[in-house]
Protein backbone atom coordinates (compact mmCIF):
# COMPACT_ATOMS: atom_id res chain seq x y z
CA MET A 1 -26.22 4.08 -40.88
CA PHE A 2 -23.79 6.78 -42.01
CA VAL A 3 -25.68 9.55 -40.22
CA ALA A 4 -26.60 7.49 -37.13
CA PRO A 5 -25.97 9.31 -33.83
CA ASP A 6 -22.36 8.95 -32.69
CA PRO A 7 -22.22 10.46 -29.16
CA GLY A 8 -18.76 11.75 -28.43
CA ARG A 9 -17.71 10.57 -31.90
CA ALA A 10 -17.01 7.19 -30.28
CA ARG A 11 -17.44 5.14 -33.46
CA LEU A 12 -15.31 7.58 -35.45
CA ARG A 13 -12.53 7.48 -32.85
CA ASN A 14 -12.59 3.69 -32.52
CA ALA A 15 -12.56 3.19 -36.27
CA SER A 16 -9.67 5.61 -36.75
CA ARG A 17 -7.71 4.00 -33.94
CA ALA A 18 -8.30 0.56 -35.44
CA VAL A 19 -6.81 1.66 -38.74
CA ILE A 20 -3.71 2.93 -36.93
CA GLY A 21 -3.40 -0.24 -34.84
CA VAL A 22 -3.73 -2.62 -37.78
CA ALA A 23 -1.39 -0.53 -39.95
CA LEU A 24 1.24 -0.47 -37.19
CA ALA A 25 0.99 -4.26 -36.74
CA VAL A 26 1.54 -4.87 -40.46
CA ALA A 27 4.35 -2.31 -40.65
CA VAL A 28 6.19 -3.88 -37.72
CA ALA A 29 5.85 -7.35 -39.27
CA GLU A 30 7.22 -6.08 -42.57
CA LEU A 31 10.11 -4.26 -40.90
CA CYS A 32 11.00 -7.48 -39.10
CA GLY A 33 11.26 -9.26 -42.45
CA LEU A 34 8.31 -11.59 -41.95
CA SER A 35 6.54 -13.15 -44.92
CA LEU A 36 3.35 -11.81 -46.52
CA VAL A 37 1.33 -14.61 -44.88
CA ALA A 38 2.72 -13.65 -41.47
CA SER A 39 2.07 -9.94 -42.06
CA ILE A 40 -1.56 -10.62 -42.97
CA THR A 41 -1.90 -12.86 -39.91
CA GLY A 42 -0.55 -10.06 -37.73
CA GLY A 43 -2.89 -7.49 -39.23
CA LEU A 44 -5.92 -9.72 -38.64
CA ALA A 45 -4.78 -10.46 -35.08
CA ALA A 46 -4.54 -6.74 -34.33
CA LEU A 47 -7.99 -6.17 -35.84
CA LEU A 48 -9.45 -8.91 -33.63
CA ALA A 49 -7.75 -7.58 -30.50
CA LEU A 50 -9.18 -4.11 -31.08
CA PHE A 51 -12.62 -5.39 -32.10
CA THR A 52 -13.38 -8.13 -29.56
CA VAL A 53 -11.86 -6.83 -26.29
CA THR A 54 -14.77 -4.89 -24.74
CA ASP A 55 -14.27 -5.17 -20.97
CA SER A 56 -15.85 -2.46 -18.85
CA THR A 57 -12.56 -1.15 -17.40
CA VAL A 58 -9.21 -0.33 -18.97
CA ARG A 59 -7.43 -2.63 -16.54
CA ALA A 60 -9.70 -5.54 -17.51
CA GLN A 61 -9.08 -4.77 -21.19
CA ARG A 62 -5.33 -5.01 -20.61
CA VAL A 63 -5.72 -8.37 -18.86
CA THR A 64 -7.89 -9.75 -21.66
CA THR A 65 -5.42 -8.55 -24.29
CA LEU A 66 -2.57 -10.26 -22.41
CA LEU A 67 -4.60 -13.49 -22.29
CA LEU A 68 -5.28 -13.60 -26.04
CA PRO A 69 -2.06 -15.54 -26.85
CA ALA A 70 -3.05 -18.21 -24.30
CA ALA A 71 -6.22 -18.81 -26.32
CA GLY A 72 -4.73 -18.30 -29.77
CA PHE A 73 -1.29 -19.90 -29.77
CA PRO A 74 -2.31 -23.50 -28.96
CA VAL A 75 -5.04 -23.33 -31.60
CA LEU A 76 -2.60 -21.86 -34.10
CA ALA A 77 -0.23 -24.77 -33.48
CA LEU A 78 -2.99 -27.37 -33.87
CA ALA A 79 -4.35 -25.76 -37.04
CA THR A 80 -1.00 -25.64 -38.81
CA THR A 81 0.12 -29.09 -37.63
CA LEU A 82 -3.11 -30.77 -38.70
CA HIS A 83 -3.44 -28.90 -41.99
CA GLY A 84 -2.52 -32.01 -43.97
CA VAL A 85 -4.69 -34.39 -41.88
CA PRO A 86 -8.27 -33.47 -42.88
CA LEU A 87 -10.24 -35.72 -40.53
CA ALA A 88 -8.26 -34.72 -37.43
CA ARG A 89 -8.25 -31.06 -38.54
CA ASP A 90 -12.02 -31.04 -38.97
CA ALA A 91 -12.66 -32.73 -35.61
CA VAL A 92 -10.43 -30.24 -33.80
CA PHE A 93 -12.07 -27.31 -35.62
CA VAL A 94 -15.52 -28.42 -34.47
CA ALA A 95 -14.20 -28.81 -30.92
CA VAL A 96 -12.77 -25.28 -31.06
CA VAL A 97 -16.20 -24.03 -32.18
CA PHE A 98 -17.90 -25.61 -29.16
CA ALA A 99 -15.27 -24.37 -26.70
CA GLY A 100 -15.26 -20.88 -28.20
CA VAL A 101 -19.02 -20.44 -27.82
CA TYR A 102 -19.17 -22.19 -24.45
CA ALA A 103 -16.58 -19.72 -23.12
CA ARG A 104 -19.15 -16.92 -23.44
CA ARG A 105 -20.58 -17.96 -20.07
CA TRP A 106 -17.59 -16.12 -18.55
CA GLY A 107 -18.75 -12.80 -19.90
CA VAL A 108 -16.99 -10.45 -22.29
CA ARG A 109 -13.55 -11.88 -21.53
CA GLY A 110 -14.64 -15.41 -22.37
CA HIS A 111 -16.37 -14.04 -25.46
CA ALA A 112 -13.18 -12.33 -26.68
CA LEU A 113 -10.94 -15.33 -25.97
CA GLY A 114 -13.38 -17.68 -27.72
CA ILE A 115 -13.49 -15.52 -30.84
CA PHE A 116 -9.70 -15.17 -30.89
CA ALA A 117 -9.23 -18.94 -30.60
CA PHE A 118 -11.70 -19.67 -33.39
CA MET A 119 -10.26 -17.04 -35.71
CA ASN A 120 -6.70 -18.31 -35.26
CA PHE A 121 -7.89 -21.66 -36.63
CA PHE A 122 -9.86 -19.93 -39.38
CA ILE A 123 -6.97 -17.68 -40.43
CA THR A 124 -4.61 -20.62 -40.91
CA GLN A 125 -7.16 -22.20 -43.28
CA PHE A 126 -7.63 -18.88 -45.09
CA LEU A 127 -3.87 -18.50 -45.59
CA HIS A 128 -3.08 -22.23 -46.01
CA ALA A 129 -0.39 -21.94 -43.34
CA ARG A 130 2.00 -24.86 -42.87
CA PRO A 131 3.87 -26.15 -39.76
CA ALA A 132 7.16 -24.66 -40.98
CA GLN A 133 5.56 -21.18 -40.80
CA LEU A 134 4.48 -21.54 -37.18
CA PRO A 135 7.44 -19.64 -35.60
CA GLU A 136 6.91 -16.56 -37.74
CA LEU A 137 3.14 -16.75 -37.23
CA TYR A 138 3.73 -16.68 -33.48
CA ALA A 139 6.05 -13.72 -33.94
CA ALA A 140 3.52 -11.90 -36.13
CA VAL A 141 0.63 -12.41 -33.68
CA GLY A 142 2.79 -11.39 -30.71
CA LEU A 143 4.01 -8.23 -32.45
CA ALA A 144 0.45 -7.46 -33.55
CA LEU A 145 -0.91 -7.68 -30.00
CA LEU A 146 1.91 -5.45 -28.76
CA SER A 147 1.17 -2.94 -31.52
CA ALA A 148 -2.58 -2.98 -30.88
CA GLY A 149 -1.98 -2.62 -27.13
CA ALA A 150 0.43 0.28 -27.66
CA VAL A 151 -2.11 2.15 -29.78
CA ARG A 152 -5.04 1.35 -27.51
CA PHE A 153 -3.48 1.93 -24.10
CA VAL A 154 -0.65 4.41 -24.79
CA LEU A 155 -0.95 6.37 -28.04
CA TRP A 156 -4.73 6.83 -28.10
CA PRO A 157 -6.28 5.75 -24.77
CA ILE A 158 -9.87 6.72 -25.54
CA GLU A 159 -11.26 4.69 -22.63
CA ARG A 160 -9.27 6.67 -20.05
CA ARG A 161 -11.31 9.79 -20.81
CA VAL A 162 -14.59 8.03 -21.54
CA PRO A 163 -14.81 4.79 -19.52
CA PRO A 164 -16.43 1.99 -21.53
CA ALA A 165 -19.92 1.03 -20.42
CA ALA A 166 -20.36 -2.44 -18.99
CA VAL A 167 -22.03 -4.86 -21.39
CA PRO A 168 -25.26 -6.10 -19.78
CA PRO A 169 -24.97 -9.82 -19.06
CA ALA A 170 -27.73 -12.24 -19.95
CA PRO A 171 -29.37 -14.18 -17.08
CA PRO A 172 -27.03 -17.09 -16.20
CA GLY A 173 -29.31 -20.06 -15.76
CA THR A 174 -27.98 -23.57 -15.25
CA GLY A 175 -27.44 -26.52 -17.55
CA LEU A 176 -29.36 -26.33 -20.80
CA ALA A 177 -31.32 -23.37 -19.42
CA ARG A 178 -28.17 -21.28 -19.84
CA PRO A 179 -28.30 -19.49 -23.25
CA THR A 180 -24.56 -19.87 -23.83
CA THR A 181 -24.78 -23.65 -23.39
CA ARG A 182 -27.59 -23.88 -25.91
CA GLN A 183 -25.70 -21.68 -28.32
CA ALA A 184 -22.62 -23.87 -27.99
CA PHE A 185 -24.58 -26.91 -29.16
CA GLN A 186 -26.36 -24.91 -31.87
CA ALA A 187 -23.15 -23.40 -33.26
CA THR A 188 -21.37 -26.76 -33.15
CA ALA A 189 -24.16 -28.47 -35.06
CA ALA A 190 -24.36 -25.64 -37.61
CA CYS A 191 -20.58 -25.52 -38.15
CA ALA A 192 -20.26 -29.31 -38.43
CA VAL A 193 -22.91 -29.48 -41.15
CA ALA A 194 -21.52 -26.36 -42.86
CA LEU A 195 -18.08 -27.93 -42.85
CA GLY A 196 -19.32 -31.06 -44.59
CA ILE A 197 -21.35 -29.22 -47.23
CA GLY A 198 -18.62 -26.62 -47.69
CA GLN A 199 -16.04 -29.30 -48.43
CA SER A 200 -18.35 -30.85 -51.01
CA LEU A 201 -18.31 -27.48 -52.81
CA SER A 202 -14.58 -26.84 -52.45
CA GLU A 203 -11.72 -28.83 -50.96
CA ASP A 204 -9.69 -25.64 -50.43
CA ARG A 205 -12.18 -22.87 -49.52
CA TRP A 206 -14.71 -24.72 -47.33
CA TYR A 207 -13.82 -22.65 -44.26
CA TRP A 208 -16.01 -19.70 -45.33
CA ALA A 209 -19.12 -21.80 -44.66
CA VAL A 210 -17.89 -22.56 -41.14
CA GLY A 211 -16.88 -18.95 -40.54
CA THR A 212 -20.29 -17.72 -41.65
CA ALA A 213 -22.13 -20.12 -39.35
CA TRP A 214 -19.86 -19.15 -36.43
CA TRP A 215 -20.15 -15.38 -36.79
CA ILE A 216 -23.92 -15.47 -37.17
CA PHE A 217 -24.11 -16.72 -33.58
CA VAL A 218 -21.97 -13.87 -32.22
CA ASN A 219 -24.01 -11.36 -30.16
CA THR A 220 -27.35 -13.09 -30.78
CA ALA A 221 -29.59 -14.62 -28.15
CA SER A 222 -32.66 -16.05 -29.89
CA ARG A 223 -33.63 -17.83 -33.06
CA GLY A 224 -35.24 -14.69 -34.48
CA GLU A 225 -32.07 -12.62 -33.97
CA THR A 226 -29.96 -15.37 -35.51
CA LEU A 227 -32.16 -15.70 -38.58
CA VAL A 228 -32.13 -11.94 -39.18
CA ARG A 229 -28.35 -11.84 -38.77
CA GLY A 230 -27.97 -14.67 -41.27
CA PHE A 231 -30.05 -12.76 -43.82
CA ARG A 232 -28.03 -9.59 -43.27
CA ARG A 233 -24.76 -11.47 -43.59
CA VAL A 234 -25.77 -12.90 -46.95
CA LEU A 235 -27.02 -9.49 -48.09
CA GLY A 236 -23.79 -7.77 -47.12
CA THR A 237 -21.75 -10.50 -48.80
CA VAL A 238 -23.71 -10.14 -52.05
CA PHE A 239 -23.01 -6.42 -52.23
CA GLY A 240 -19.43 -6.96 -51.06
CA ILE A 241 -18.80 -9.42 -53.87
CA GLY A 242 -20.23 -6.93 -56.34
CA ALA A 243 -17.86 -4.30 -54.99
CA GLY A 244 -15.01 -6.82 -55.12
CA LEU A 245 -15.64 -7.48 -58.81
CA LEU A 246 -15.42 -3.74 -59.47
CA ILE A 247 -12.50 -2.96 -57.14
CA ALA A 248 -10.39 -5.93 -56.06
CA ILE A 249 -10.12 -7.80 -59.37
CA PRO A 250 -8.95 -4.80 -61.44
CA LEU A 251 -6.28 -4.01 -58.81
CA ASN A 252 -4.91 -7.55 -59.09
CA GLY A 253 -3.00 -7.26 -55.80
CA ALA A 254 -1.18 -3.97 -56.51
CA PRO A 255 0.40 -3.29 -53.07
CA ALA A 256 -0.07 0.46 -52.56
CA PRO A 257 -3.74 0.87 -53.62
CA THR A 258 -4.62 -2.44 -51.98
CA ALA A 259 -3.14 -1.26 -48.68
CA VAL A 260 -5.14 1.97 -48.83
CA LEU A 261 -8.39 0.15 -49.60
CA VAL A 262 -7.79 -2.43 -46.85
CA ALA A 263 -7.36 0.47 -44.42
CA LEU A 264 -10.70 1.89 -45.59
CA CYS A 265 -12.30 -1.52 -45.11
CA VAL A 266 -10.94 -1.74 -41.56
CA PHE A 267 -12.40 1.71 -40.87
CA GLY A 268 -15.73 0.60 -42.35
CA ILE A 269 -15.84 -2.55 -40.22
CA PHE A 270 -15.44 -0.62 -36.97
CA TYR A 271 -17.55 2.38 -37.97
CA THR A 272 -20.60 0.44 -39.18
CA ALA A 273 -20.53 -2.57 -36.82
CA ALA A 274 -22.76 -0.94 -34.22
CA VAL A 275 -25.39 0.30 -36.67
CA SER A 276 -25.51 -2.06 -39.66
CA TYR A 277 -24.36 -5.67 -39.83
CA SER A 278 -24.93 -5.71 -43.60
CA TRP A 279 -22.60 -2.76 -44.20
CA MET A 280 -20.00 -4.29 -41.91
CA MET A 281 -20.17 -7.53 -43.92
CA LEU A 282 -19.76 -5.56 -47.15
CA ALA A 283 -16.51 -4.13 -45.75
CA VAL A 284 -15.36 -7.58 -44.57
CA THR A 285 -16.08 -9.13 -47.98
CA VAL A 286 -14.24 -6.43 -49.90
CA MET A 287 -11.28 -6.74 -47.53
CA ALA A 288 -11.19 -10.52 -48.03
CA GLY A 289 -11.16 -10.01 -51.80
CA LEU A 290 -8.30 -7.53 -51.53
CA LEU A 291 -6.29 -9.96 -49.38
CA TYR A 292 -6.89 -12.73 -51.90
CA GLY A 293 -5.54 -10.32 -54.51
CA LEU A 294 -2.38 -9.79 -52.48
CA LEU A 295 -1.97 -13.56 -52.25
CA GLY A 296 -2.33 -13.86 -56.02
CA VAL A 297 -5.34 -16.20 -56.04
CA LEU A 298 -8.23 -13.81 -56.74
CA ASP A 299 -10.60 -14.40 -59.66
CA PRO A 300 -14.37 -14.01 -60.23
CA GLY A 301 -14.96 -17.72 -59.61
CA LEU A 302 -13.46 -17.42 -56.13
CA LEU A 303 -15.85 -14.60 -55.25
CA VAL A 304 -18.82 -16.65 -56.48
CA LEU A 305 -17.62 -19.56 -54.34
CA ARG A 306 -17.40 -17.18 -51.38
CA LEU A 307 -21.08 -16.34 -51.86
CA GLU A 308 -22.05 -20.02 -52.11
CA GLN A 309 -20.16 -20.84 -48.92
CA THR A 310 -21.78 -17.90 -47.13
CA ALA A 311 -25.23 -19.09 -48.14
CA VAL A 312 -24.42 -22.60 -46.89
CA GLY A 313 -23.27 -21.27 -43.52
CA ALA A 314 -26.32 -19.03 -43.13
CA VAL A 315 -28.74 -21.86 -43.93
CA CYS A 316 -26.98 -24.21 -41.51
CA ALA A 317 -27.10 -21.60 -38.74
CA GLY A 318 -30.79 -20.96 -39.41
CA LEU A 319 -31.68 -24.65 -39.25
CA ALA A 320 -29.62 -25.11 -36.10
CA VAL A 321 -31.41 -22.39 -34.13
CA ILE A 322 -34.78 -23.80 -35.19
CA LEU A 323 -34.07 -27.48 -34.57
CA VAL A 324 -31.38 -27.62 -31.85
CA LEU A 325 -32.43 -26.44 -28.37
CA PRO A 326 -34.17 -23.28 -29.70
CA VAL A 327 -34.28 -20.10 -27.62
CA THR A 328 -37.57 -18.34 -28.38
CA THR A 329 -37.78 -14.70 -29.33
CA HIS A 330 -40.64 -14.33 -26.82
CA ALA A 331 -38.41 -14.89 -23.78
CA THR A 332 -35.61 -12.70 -25.12
CA ASN A 333 -37.89 -9.76 -25.95
CA ASP A 334 -39.56 -9.83 -22.54
CA MET A 335 -36.23 -10.07 -20.72
CA TRP A 336 -34.53 -7.08 -22.38
CA ILE A 337 -37.61 -4.82 -22.35
CA GLN A 338 -38.06 -5.48 -18.63
CA ARG A 339 -34.40 -4.82 -17.91
CA ALA A 340 -34.57 -1.54 -19.83
CA LEU A 341 -37.63 -0.46 -17.84
CA ARG A 342 -35.99 -1.38 -14.55
CA CYS A 343 -33.01 0.71 -15.58
CA VAL A 344 -35.32 3.68 -16.21
CA ARG A 345 -36.67 3.24 -12.70
CA THR A 346 -33.17 3.08 -11.20
CA CYS A 347 -32.03 6.18 -13.10
CA THR A 348 -35.04 8.08 -11.85
CA ALA A 349 -34.46 7.06 -8.24
CA GLU A 350 -30.75 7.96 -8.40
CA ALA A 351 -31.51 11.32 -10.01
CA ALA A 352 -34.08 12.09 -7.31
CA ALA A 353 -31.58 11.24 -4.59
CA ARG A 354 -28.95 13.42 -6.27
CA LEU A 355 -31.35 16.35 -6.47
CA ALA A 356 -32.19 15.80 -2.80
CA GLY A 357 -28.54 16.38 -1.97
CA SER A 358 -27.18 12.85 -1.65
CA PRO A 359 -23.40 12.93 -2.19
CA VAL A 360 -23.23 9.28 -3.29
CA ALA A 361 -26.16 9.10 -5.70
CA ASP A 362 -25.08 9.10 -9.35
CA PRO A 363 -27.56 8.36 -12.16
CA ALA A 364 -24.97 8.71 -14.96
CA PRO A 365 -23.71 5.08 -14.96
CA HIS A 366 -27.28 3.82 -15.05
CA ALA A 367 -28.06 6.11 -17.99
CA ALA A 368 -25.10 4.61 -19.87
CA GLU A 369 -26.36 1.14 -18.96
CA LEU A 370 -29.79 2.06 -20.32
CA GLU A 371 -28.25 2.74 -23.74
CA LEU A 372 -26.79 -0.77 -23.74
CA PHE A 373 -30.09 -2.32 -22.72
CA LEU A 374 -31.84 -0.44 -25.50
CA GLY A 375 -29.28 -1.81 -27.94
CA ARG A 376 -30.22 -5.31 -26.81
CA VAL A 377 -33.92 -4.47 -27.15
CA ARG A 378 -33.36 -3.34 -30.74
CA LEU A 379 -31.47 -6.53 -31.48
CA SER A 380 -34.13 -8.77 -29.95
CA LEU A 381 -36.97 -6.98 -31.76
CA ALA A 382 -35.10 -6.91 -35.08
CA PRO A 383 -36.99 -9.98 -36.43
CA LEU A 384 -40.32 -8.22 -35.89
CA VAL A 385 -39.37 -4.85 -37.41
CA HIS A 386 -37.48 -6.37 -40.34
CA PRO A 387 -38.88 -5.21 -43.70
CA LEU A 388 -39.58 -8.81 -44.72
CA SER A 389 -41.56 -9.62 -41.57
CA PRO A 390 -45.09 -10.68 -42.61
CA TYR A 391 -46.65 -9.80 -39.24
CA ARG A 392 -47.83 -6.25 -39.79
CA GLY A 393 -49.56 -5.86 -36.43
CA ARG A 394 -46.57 -7.11 -34.48
CA LYS A 395 -44.24 -4.97 -36.58
CA ALA A 396 -46.23 -1.82 -35.83
CA ARG A 397 -46.35 -2.55 -32.11
CA ALA A 398 -42.66 -3.42 -31.96
CA ARG A 399 -41.76 -0.17 -33.73
CA ARG A 400 -43.97 1.72 -31.29
CA VAL A 401 -42.23 0.11 -28.32
CA LEU A 402 -38.79 0.98 -29.74
CA ALA A 403 -39.79 4.59 -30.44
CA LEU A 404 -41.22 5.10 -26.93
CA LEU A 405 -38.20 3.50 -25.24
CA ASP A 406 -35.89 5.75 -27.26
CA GLU A 407 -37.88 8.77 -26.10
CA CYS A 408 -37.61 7.51 -22.51
CA ALA A 409 -33.83 7.43 -22.94
CA VAL A 410 -33.91 11.07 -24.13
CA GLU A 411 -35.85 12.11 -21.02
CA VAL A 412 -33.51 10.11 -18.78
CA ARG A 413 -30.47 11.82 -20.31
CA GLY A 414 -32.10 15.19 -19.73
CA LEU A 415 -32.90 14.30 -16.12
CA VAL A 416 -29.32 13.14 -15.52
CA SER A 417 -28.01 16.39 -16.98
CA VAL A 418 -30.22 18.44 -14.64
CA ALA A 419 -29.23 16.32 -11.64
CA ALA A 420 -25.57 16.95 -12.39
CA ASP A 421 -26.10 20.71 -12.00
CA PRO A 422 -25.01 21.67 -8.46
CA ASP A 423 -27.47 24.57 -8.49
CA ALA A 424 -30.48 22.37 -9.25
CA SER A 425 -33.10 22.55 -6.51
CA HIS A 426 -35.28 19.83 -5.03
CA ASP A 427 -38.78 20.05 -3.68
CA ALA A 428 -41.63 17.74 -2.76
CA ARG A 429 -43.06 17.77 -6.28
CA LEU A 430 -39.89 16.12 -7.62
CA ALA A 431 -40.12 13.35 -5.04
CA ALA A 432 -43.77 12.77 -5.90
CA ALA A 433 -43.05 12.73 -9.64
CA CYS A 434 -40.19 10.24 -9.14
CA TRP A 435 -42.50 8.02 -7.11
CA ARG A 436 -45.10 8.11 -9.89
CA VAL A 437 -42.48 7.14 -12.49
CA GLU A 438 -41.34 4.22 -10.36
CA ALA A 439 -44.96 3.15 -9.83
CA ALA A 440 -45.61 3.33 -13.57
CA VAL A 441 -42.62 1.07 -14.25
CA GLU A 442 -43.80 -1.40 -11.61
CA ALA A 443 -47.24 -1.44 -13.24
CA LEU A 444 -45.71 -2.26 -16.63
CA LEU A 445 -43.56 -5.02 -15.13
CA ALA A 446 -46.38 -6.66 -13.20
CA PRO A 447 -47.71 -9.96 -14.63
CA GLU A 448 -50.91 -9.57 -16.63
CA ALA A 449 -52.89 -11.63 -14.12
CA GLU A 450 -51.95 -9.25 -11.30
CA ARG A 451 -52.86 -6.08 -13.16
CA ASP A 452 -56.07 -4.15 -12.69
CA THR A 453 -57.19 -2.07 -15.66
CA GLU A 454 -58.25 0.64 -13.26
CA HIS A 455 -54.65 1.03 -12.11
CA ARG A 456 -52.96 1.27 -15.48
CA PRO A 457 -50.70 4.34 -15.72
CA ALA A 458 -52.40 7.41 -17.07
CA ALA A 459 -50.71 10.21 -18.95
CA PRO A 460 -50.14 13.15 -16.59
CA SER A 461 -51.71 16.53 -17.03
CA VAL A 462 -48.87 19.04 -17.06
CA ASN A 463 -48.79 22.82 -17.19
CA PRO A 464 -46.33 23.48 -20.07
CA ALA A 465 -45.20 26.83 -18.68
CA ARG A 466 -44.42 25.34 -15.28
CA ALA A 467 -42.64 22.35 -16.81
CA ALA A 468 -40.51 24.59 -19.02
CA ALA A 469 -39.45 26.61 -16.00
CA GLU A 470 -38.53 23.47 -14.00
CA PRO A 471 -36.49 21.14 -16.23
CA ALA A 472 -36.35 18.22 -13.79
CA LEU A 473 -40.12 18.15 -13.48
CA ALA A 474 -40.47 18.42 -17.25
CA HIS A 475 -38.32 15.32 -17.77
CA LEU A 476 -40.15 13.37 -15.06
CA HIS A 477 -43.53 14.27 -16.51
CA GLY A 478 -42.22 13.25 -19.91
CA LEU A 479 -41.27 9.86 -18.52
CA GLU A 480 -44.72 9.48 -16.96
CA ARG A 481 -46.37 10.24 -20.30
CA LEU A 482 -44.16 7.83 -22.24
CA LEU A 483 -44.63 5.00 -19.74
CA ALA A 484 -48.39 5.50 -19.94
CA GLN A 485 -48.18 5.23 -23.74
CA LEU A 486 -46.09 2.06 -23.48
CA ASP A 487 -48.94 0.35 -21.67
CA GLY A 488 -50.85 -0.04 -24.94
CA PRO A 489 -48.34 -1.89 -27.15
CA LEU A 490 -46.98 -3.93 -24.23
CA ARG A 491 -50.33 -4.82 -22.68
CA SER A 492 -52.77 -5.22 -25.55
CA ALA A 493 -55.12 -8.18 -25.68
CA SER A 494 -52.78 -9.90 -28.11
CA ARG A 495 -49.65 -9.15 -26.13
CA SER A 496 -48.17 -12.60 -26.63
CA SER A 497 -48.20 -12.15 -30.40
CA LEU A 498 -45.66 -9.33 -30.09
CA VAL A 499 -43.07 -11.42 -28.33
CA GLY A 500 -44.03 -14.84 -29.54
CA ALA A 501 -42.65 -14.65 -33.07
């Protein structure tokens, strides 16, 4: 995960910018004379604004950032006002959970606003905020969002030079067929049970169980993905608590070293989020321990309780996705693999048109979209390729599918690069090769009952010298070969066992 590809150093830039944004938010709060609780609230608000706002255009990101107070401030008021009324507080918290997940049906903006609303309730429990502190909490969150926006859109506007790719939406559906609706009920059930069990373990620190259950449902679409994420969250928390015992407790809240280590944790959260959920959770857990140290309440028993609450939340989330309106891994795997293949076909067609001289054809956006689809494929197949998966045959086939799709992405990037060259030529062989790639994709997407074994894609016979001299043809022939090899793992006699875990 530390040597994972980082095209354009995007993860490095985002992580560095996050550290600056969070540090500026805390510094502004301190300069304004706000309390430690308010400063921590502001720092966490800036972190959330930089982490959750992922709209596909800079303008949309600005709008979402401006809307965050509309989602967070009412929840902040309710959470602080009801802090001393447990039954009402718990009922409202569960309602916020449902609304926050349900909002994901409105895409990345709804997703960001839902997370921000939930976390404003969570943060007040974490900091034990009281109604008298509400004005300075509002001030801290407002200053934090201004600081994060200044860093993101003025001081270091990364997205202006490299526009963010659009996050591929899941199929909408209606009613209970809509994945976000099912997840809303699942997350609500998991958080309600986690809340009850968490309070039986601790009257003061029960919120970690709810937070664990909530975050396990973020960016997952099936029961398999959710179960794997729960395992990784517990694993990351275990190692994070070990690191906390070695780092946070000896520091005992010393301001300067704690601030430096919190900055490193923020960097780690952003840098590892895309490649390793376990490492991200390690950074989150260490940061939580350091913040507890600043608040003067850290001890080994608290870290052990944190682990217990995490385990409770993970178990509740796992039971919820199995028992409450489950979304099967089968449907999710099929959906994302098919969308990735269709994207390969679209990229090929756009590249062919560009090479033919079309002034409007542009395969580059579709190539960026393919990377996002492949990310979703990796996430959906994660349960099958997990080291603890007992299904060896399915694991091998799933790994083969991932490897071949990654190679397809390499060939697509090469084809896009050639198509962008104004001196690249076009001839009839390119058109024929593009047609064969499109036909191979159609063959893979066709239902099994409609397929004829005599018409399965065959690996092309290519003259290496000719292909080397004509890069576009080489990439197209590479795609043909890879699509032919995908036919095996996707269309074996036991195909359903790959996607039916």
